[in-house]
Amino acid sequence: MRLWEVASLAPRSQGLRERALPHLEDLSALVRENVQLAVRDGCEAVFVERIGSSGAVPTLTRVGGRLCITATAAGLVLLAHAPAAVQEDALDRVIPRYSSFTLTDSVRLRAVLAQVRTCGYSVSDRQLSSDTLSVAARCLQGIRPHRSRQRSAAMNTYPDRPTAQRAAR
């Protein structure tokens, strides 16, 4: 962790966060909920930015924090677009259960990943805690979609399903 803290102070590590920050701030102002930016490191989602909104639901994420890639909406987006070998590695592991809603079955998770690739976003409904729902979409680097590379995923966390549905409109 200390290595990440030191590295985060280096100018090169600021590129992604600096480029994403205005968009994350706009998204946070629009939905009035927490917004996080995550990148994939192996089979974990690492949160590199977090914008908290006053009155928003408390979350388990923090800048520099890691969570199992299958348990968050951002992680599912990152995993859905990861190389096949990474997906297999993540799904072959024992998947921790954070709540009674956490998906731990690799067959169901493969179906979820296919759906994420088809629709372009992910929903994690109470997988980390019984009172939160998160929605994430991938962030692309580049101007032309067919030549863009995924570097990160942006995620919003909502206190419940009706709030998430209102924000999606």
C-alpha atoms as a PDB file:
ATOM      1  CA  MET A   1       0.000   0.000   0.000  1.00  0.00           C
ATOM      2  CA  ARG A   2       2.797   2.420   0.798  1.00  0.00           C
ATOM      3  CA  LEU A   3       4.260   1.814  -2.635  1.00  0.00           C
ATOM      4  CA  TRP A   4       0.937   2.818  -4.225  1.00  0.00           C
ATOM      5  CA  GLU A   5       0.798   5.941  -2.055  1.00  0.00           C
ATOM      6  CA  VAL A   6       4.300   6.959  -3.149  1.00  0.00           C
ATOM      7  CA  ALA A   7       3.574   6.115  -6.783  1.00  0.00           C
ATOM      8  CA  SER A   8       0.365   8.159  -6.716  1.00  0.00           C
ATOM      9  CA  LEU A   9       2.483  11.250  -6.031  1.00  0.00           C
ATOM     10  CA  ALA A  10       4.542  10.726  -9.191  1.00  0.00           C
ATOM     11  CA  PRO A  11       3.478  12.895 -12.164  1.00  0.00           C
ATOM     12  CA  ARG A  12       3.040   9.905 -14.529  1.00  0.00           C
ATOM     13  CA  SER A  13       0.447   8.255 -12.281  1.00  0.00           C
ATOM     14  CA  GLN A  14      -1.777  11.323 -12.409  1.00  0.00           C
ATOM     15  CA  GLY A  15      -2.610  11.092 -16.138  1.00  0.00           C
ATOM     16  CA  LEU A  16      -5.699   8.904 -15.953  1.00  0.00           C
ATOM     17  CA  ARG A  17      -7.067  10.565 -12.824  1.00  0.00           C
ATOM     18  CA  GLU A  18      -6.483  14.075 -14.164  1.00  0.00           C
ATOM     19  CA  ARG A  19      -8.144  13.311 -17.496  1.00  0.00           C
ATOM     20  CA  ALA A  20     -11.106  11.565 -15.859  1.00  0.00           C
ATOM     21  CA  LEU A  21     -11.686  13.974 -12.966  1.00  0.00           C
ATOM     22  CA  PRO A  22     -13.768  16.628 -14.812  1.00  0.00           C
ATOM     23  CA  HIS A  23     -16.024  13.886 -16.213  1.00  0.00           C
ATOM     24  CA  LEU A  24     -16.342  12.201 -12.823  1.00  0.00           C
ATOM     25  CA  GLU A  25     -17.233  15.535 -11.221  1.00  0.00           C
ATOM     26  CA  ASP A  26     -19.897  16.168 -13.888  1.00  0.00           C
ATOM     27  CA  LEU A  27     -21.318  12.689 -13.344  1.00  0.00           C
ATOM     28  CA  SER A  28     -21.337  13.146  -9.578  1.00  0.00           C
ATOM     29  CA  ALA A  29     -23.147  16.481  -9.893  1.00  0.00           C
ATOM     30  CA  LEU A  30     -25.688  14.939 -12.268  1.00  0.00           C
ATOM     31  CA  VAL A  31     -26.586  11.876 -10.194  1.00  0.00           C
ATOM     32  CA  ARG A  32     -25.764  13.311  -6.743  1.00  0.00           C
ATOM     33  CA  GLU A  33     -24.278  10.003  -5.649  1.00  0.00           C
ATOM     34  CA  ASN A  34     -20.778   8.612  -5.191  1.00  0.00           C
ATOM     35  CA  VAL A  35     -18.667   8.130  -8.312  1.00  0.00           C
ATOM     36  CA  GLN A  36     -15.587   5.923  -8.424  1.00  0.00           C
ATOM     37  CA  LEU A  37     -12.940   5.236 -11.068  1.00  0.00           C
ATOM     38  CA  ALA A  38     -11.374   1.774 -11.077  1.00  0.00           C
ATOM     39  CA  VAL A  39      -8.664  -0.034 -13.014  1.00  0.00           C
ATOM     40  CA  ARG A  40      -7.947  -3.750 -13.186  1.00  0.00           C
ATOM     41  CA  ASP A  41      -4.913  -5.242 -11.500  1.00  0.00           C
ATOM     42  CA  GLY A  42      -5.017  -8.977 -12.100  1.00  0.00           C
ATOM     43  CA  CYS A  43      -8.257 -10.225 -10.564  1.00  0.00           C
ATOM     44  CA  GLU A  44      -8.919  -7.134  -8.478  1.00  0.00           C
ATOM     45  CA  ALA A  45     -10.515  -3.767  -9.109  1.00  0.00           C
ATOM     46  CA  VAL A  46      -8.306  -0.970  -7.778  1.00  0.00           C
ATOM     47  CA  PHE A  47     -10.076   2.314  -7.121  1.00  0.00           C
ATOM     48  CA  VAL A  48      -7.924   5.211  -8.294  1.00  0.00           C
ATOM     49  CA  GLU A  49     -10.429   8.018  -7.720  1.00  0.00           C
ATOM     50  CA  ARG A  50     -13.564   8.504  -5.662  1.00  0.00           C
ATOM     51  CA  ILE A  51     -15.871  11.483  -5.472  1.00  0.00           C
ATOM     52  CA  GLY A  52     -18.214  11.379  -2.538  1.00  0.00           C
ATOM     53  CA  SER A  53     -21.498  13.208  -2.634  1.00  0.00           C
ATOM     54  CA  SER A  54     -23.106  14.661   0.477  1.00  0.00           C
ATOM     55  CA  GLY A  55     -25.975  12.494   1.575  1.00  0.00           C
ATOM     56  CA  ALA A  56     -24.873   9.615  -0.641  1.00  0.00           C
ATOM     57  CA  VAL A  57     -24.895   6.027   0.521  1.00  0.00           C
ATOM     58  CA  PRO A  58     -21.681   4.985   2.330  1.00  0.00           C
ATOM     59  CA  THR A  59     -19.487   2.713   0.206  1.00  0.00           C
ATOM     60  CA  LEU A  60     -16.705   0.216   0.842  1.00  0.00           C
ATOM     61  CA  THR A  61     -14.478   1.813  -1.796  1.00  0.00           C
ATOM     62  CA  ARG A  62     -11.628   4.171  -1.089  1.00  0.00           C
ATOM     63  CA  VAL A  63      -8.838   5.535  -3.259  1.00  0.00           C
ATOM     64  CA  GLY A  64      -6.151   2.863  -3.398  1.00  0.00           C
ATOM     65  CA  GLY A  65      -8.560   0.219  -2.152  1.00  0.00           C
ATOM     66  CA  ARG A  66      -9.009  -3.145  -3.834  1.00  0.00           C
ATOM     67  CA  LEU A  67     -12.050  -5.354  -4.187  1.00  0.00           C
ATOM     68  CA  CYS A  68     -12.672  -8.679  -5.868  1.00  0.00           C
ATOM     69  CA  ILE A  69     -13.253  -7.940  -9.552  1.00  0.00           C
ATOM     70  CA  THR A  70     -16.477  -9.973  -9.660  1.00  0.00           C
ATOM     71  CA  ALA A  71     -18.226  -8.141  -6.803  1.00  0.00           C
ATOM     72  CA  THR A  72     -18.517  -4.590  -8.140  1.00  0.00           C
ATOM     73  CA  ALA A  73     -20.109  -3.113 -11.231  1.00  0.00           C
ATOM     74  CA  ALA A  74     -16.781  -1.521 -12.187  1.00  0.00           C
ATOM     75  CA  GLY A  75     -14.978  -4.825 -11.696  1.00  0.00           C
ATOM     76  CA  LEU A  76     -17.499  -6.676 -13.845  1.00  0.00           C
ATOM     77  CA  VAL A  77     -17.035  -4.142 -16.664  1.00  0.00           C
ATOM     78  CA  LEU A  78     -13.263  -4.454 -16.409  1.00  0.00           C
ATOM     79  CA  LEU A  79     -13.432  -8.247 -16.340  1.00  0.00           C
ATOM     80  CA  ALA A  80     -15.910  -8.473 -19.220  1.00  0.00           C
ATOM     81  CA  HIS A  81     -13.420  -6.689 -21.482  1.00  0.00           C
ATOM     82  CA  ALA A  82     -10.267  -8.326 -20.116  1.00  0.00           C
ATOM     83  CA  PRO A  83      -8.336 -10.973 -22.046  1.00  0.00           C
ATOM     84  CA  ALA A  84      -9.835 -14.485 -21.882  1.00  0.00           C
ATOM     85  CA  ALA A  85      -6.959 -15.759 -19.727  1.00  0.00           C
ATOM     86  CA  VAL A  86      -7.689 -13.099 -17.087  1.00  0.00           C
ATOM     87  CA  GLN A  87     -11.392 -13.964 -17.115  1.00  0.00           C
ATOM     88  CA  GLU A  88     -10.621 -17.662 -16.669  1.00  0.00           C
ATOM     89  CA  ASP A  89      -8.220 -16.915 -13.816  1.00  0.00           C
ATOM     90  CA  ALA A  90     -10.810 -14.760 -12.029  1.00  0.00           C
ATOM     91  CA  LEU A  91     -13.610 -17.296 -12.471  1.00  0.00           C
ATOM     92  CA  ASP A  92     -11.479 -20.290 -11.472  1.00  0.00           C
ATOM     93  CA  ARG A  93     -10.700 -18.745  -8.077  1.00  0.00           C
ATOM     94  CA  VAL A  94     -12.815 -19.024  -4.969  1.00  0.00           C
ATOM     95  CA  ILE A  95     -15.048 -15.949  -5.158  1.00  0.00           C
ATOM     96  CA  PRO A  96     -15.655 -14.308  -1.787  1.00  0.00           C
ATOM     97  CA  ARG A  97     -19.236 -13.771  -0.644  1.00  0.00           C
ATOM     98  CA  TYR A  98     -19.810 -10.236   0.663  1.00  0.00           C
ATOM     99  CA  SER A  99     -23.605 -10.513   0.990  1.00  0.00           C
ATOM    100  CA  SER A 100     -26.310 -13.067   0.330  1.00  0.00           C
ATOM    101  CA  PHE A 101     -26.636 -11.546  -3.158  1.00  0.00           C
ATOM    102  CA  THR A 102     -22.977 -11.928  -4.178  1.00  0.00           C
ATOM    103  CA  LEU A 103     -22.628 -13.964  -7.368  1.00  0.00           C
ATOM    104  CA  THR A 104     -20.134 -16.749  -6.717  1.00  0.00           C
ATOM    105  CA  ASP A 105     -21.153 -19.234  -9.417  1.00  0.00           C
ATOM    106  CA  SER A 106     -18.795 -19.048 -12.405  1.00  0.00           C
ATOM    107  CA  VAL A 107     -21.501 -20.144 -14.874  1.00  0.00           C
ATOM    108  CA  ARG A 108     -23.779 -17.278 -13.809  1.00  0.00           C
ATOM    109  CA  LEU A 109     -20.858 -14.866 -13.825  1.00  0.00           C
ATOM    110  CA  ARG A 110     -19.941 -15.859 -17.397  1.00  0.00           C
ATOM    111  CA  ALA A 111     -23.514 -15.031 -18.441  1.00  0.00           C
ATOM    112  CA  VAL A 112     -23.268 -11.672 -16.647  1.00  0.00           C
ATOM    113  CA  LEU A 113     -19.970 -10.891 -18.409  1.00  0.00           C
ATOM    114  CA  ALA A 114     -21.525 -11.711 -21.787  1.00  0.00           C
ATOM    115  CA  GLN A 115     -24.425  -9.390 -20.985  1.00  0.00           C
ATOM    116  CA  VAL A 116     -22.001  -6.609 -19.980  1.00  0.00           C
ATOM    117  CA  ARG A 117     -20.181  -6.941 -23.309  1.00  0.00           C
ATOM    118  CA  THR A 118     -23.507  -6.786 -25.157  1.00  0.00           C
ATOM    119  CA  CYS A 119     -25.096  -3.824 -23.382  1.00  0.00           C
ATOM    120  CA  GLY A 120     -21.953  -1.847 -22.505  1.00  0.00           C
ATOM    121  CA  TYR A 121     -22.588  -1.405 -18.792  1.00  0.00           C
ATOM    122  CA  SER A 122     -22.845  -3.439 -15.605  1.00  0.00           C
ATOM    123  CA  VAL A 123     -25.156  -3.449 -12.603  1.00  0.00           C
ATOM    124  CA  SER A 124     -24.078  -4.872  -9.268  1.00  0.00           C
ATOM    125  CA  ASP A 125     -27.225  -5.282  -7.217  1.00  0.00           C
ATOM    126  CA  ARG A 126     -26.427  -5.682  -3.503  1.00  0.00           C
ATOM    127  CA  GLN A 127     -23.353  -7.809  -4.185  1.00  0.00           C
ATOM    128  CA  LEU A 128     -21.150  -5.927  -1.712  1.00  0.00           C
ATOM    129  CA  SER A 129     -23.775  -4.923   0.816  1.00  0.00           C
ATOM    130  CA  SER A 130     -27.495  -5.459   1.122  1.00  0.00           C
ATOM    131  CA  ASP A 131     -28.296  -1.742   0.813  1.00  0.00           C
ATOM    132  CA  THR A 132     -26.386  -0.644  -2.298  1.00  0.00           C
ATOM    133  CA  LEU A 133     -26.662  -0.955  -6.034  1.00  0.00           C
ATOM    134  CA  SER A 134     -23.925   0.186  -8.401  1.00  0.00           C
ATOM    135  CA  VAL A 135     -23.837   0.855 -12.126  1.00  0.00           C
ATOM    136  CA  ALA A 136     -20.640   1.095 -14.180  1.00  0.00           C
ATOM    137  CA  ALA A 137     -19.525   1.667 -17.737  1.00  0.00           C
ATOM    138  CA  ARG A 138     -16.112   1.348 -19.265  1.00  0.00           C
ATOM    139  CA  CYS A 139     -13.951   4.332 -20.037  1.00  0.00           C
ATOM    140  CA  LEU A 140     -12.117   4.222 -23.335  1.00  0.00           C
ATOM    141  CA  GLN A 141      -8.830   5.822 -24.288  1.00  0.00           C
ATOM    142  CA  GLY A 142      -8.737   7.112 -27.834  1.00  0.00           C
ATOM    143  CA  ILE A 143     -10.996   8.891 -30.277  1.00  0.00           C
ATOM    144  CA  ARG A 144     -12.042   6.072 -32.585  1.00  0.00           C
ATOM    145  CA  PRO A 145     -14.097   3.391 -30.759  1.00  0.00           C
ATOM    146  CA  HIS A 146     -12.726   0.509 -32.848  1.00  0.00           C
ATOM    147  CA  ARG A 147      -9.166   1.529 -31.955  1.00  0.00           C
ATOM    148  CA  SER A 148      -9.804   2.536 -28.357  1.00  0.00           C
ATOM    149  CA  ARG A 149      -8.457   0.589 -25.422  1.00  0.00           C
ATOM    150  CA  GLN A 150     -10.232   0.200 -22.150  1.00  0.00           C
ATOM    151  CA  ARG A 151      -8.234   1.575 -19.293  1.00  0.00           C
ATOM    152  CA  SER A 152     -10.784   2.006 -16.562  1.00  0.00           C
ATOM    153  CA  ALA A 153     -14.416   1.884 -15.501  1.00  0.00           C
ATOM    154  CA  ALA A 154     -16.520   4.570 -13.841  1.00  0.00           C
ATOM    155  CA  MET A 155     -19.032   3.441 -11.235  1.00  0.00           C
ATOM    156  CA  ASN A 156     -21.911   5.121  -9.394  1.00  0.00           C
ATOM    157  CA  THR A 157     -23.299   3.699  -6.172  1.00  0.00           C
ATOM    158  CA  TYR A 158     -26.931   4.164  -5.165  1.00  0.00           C
ATOM    159  CA  PRO A 159     -28.760   3.440  -1.907  1.00  0.00           C
ATOM    160  CA  ASP A 160     -31.498   1.426  -3.610  1.00  0.00           C
ATOM    161  CA  ARG A 161     -33.010   0.343  -6.905  1.00  0.00           C
ATOM    162  CA  PRO A 162     -35.598   3.196  -7.262  1.00  0.00           C
ATOM    163  CA  THR A 163     -32.857   5.820  -6.852  1.00  0.00           C
ATOM    164  CA  ALA A 164     -30.719   4.101  -9.485  1.00  0.00           C
ATOM    165  CA  GLN A 165     -33.645   3.924 -11.889  1.00  0.00           C
ATOM    166  CA  ARG A 166     -34.369   7.650 -11.449  1.00  0.00           C
ATOM    167  CA  ALA A 167     -30.718   8.484 -12.107  1.00  0.00           C
ATOM    168  CA  ALA A 168     -30.669   6.363 -15.262  1.00  0.00           C
ATOM    169  CA  ARG A 169     -33.440   8.486 -16.779  1.00  0.00           C
END
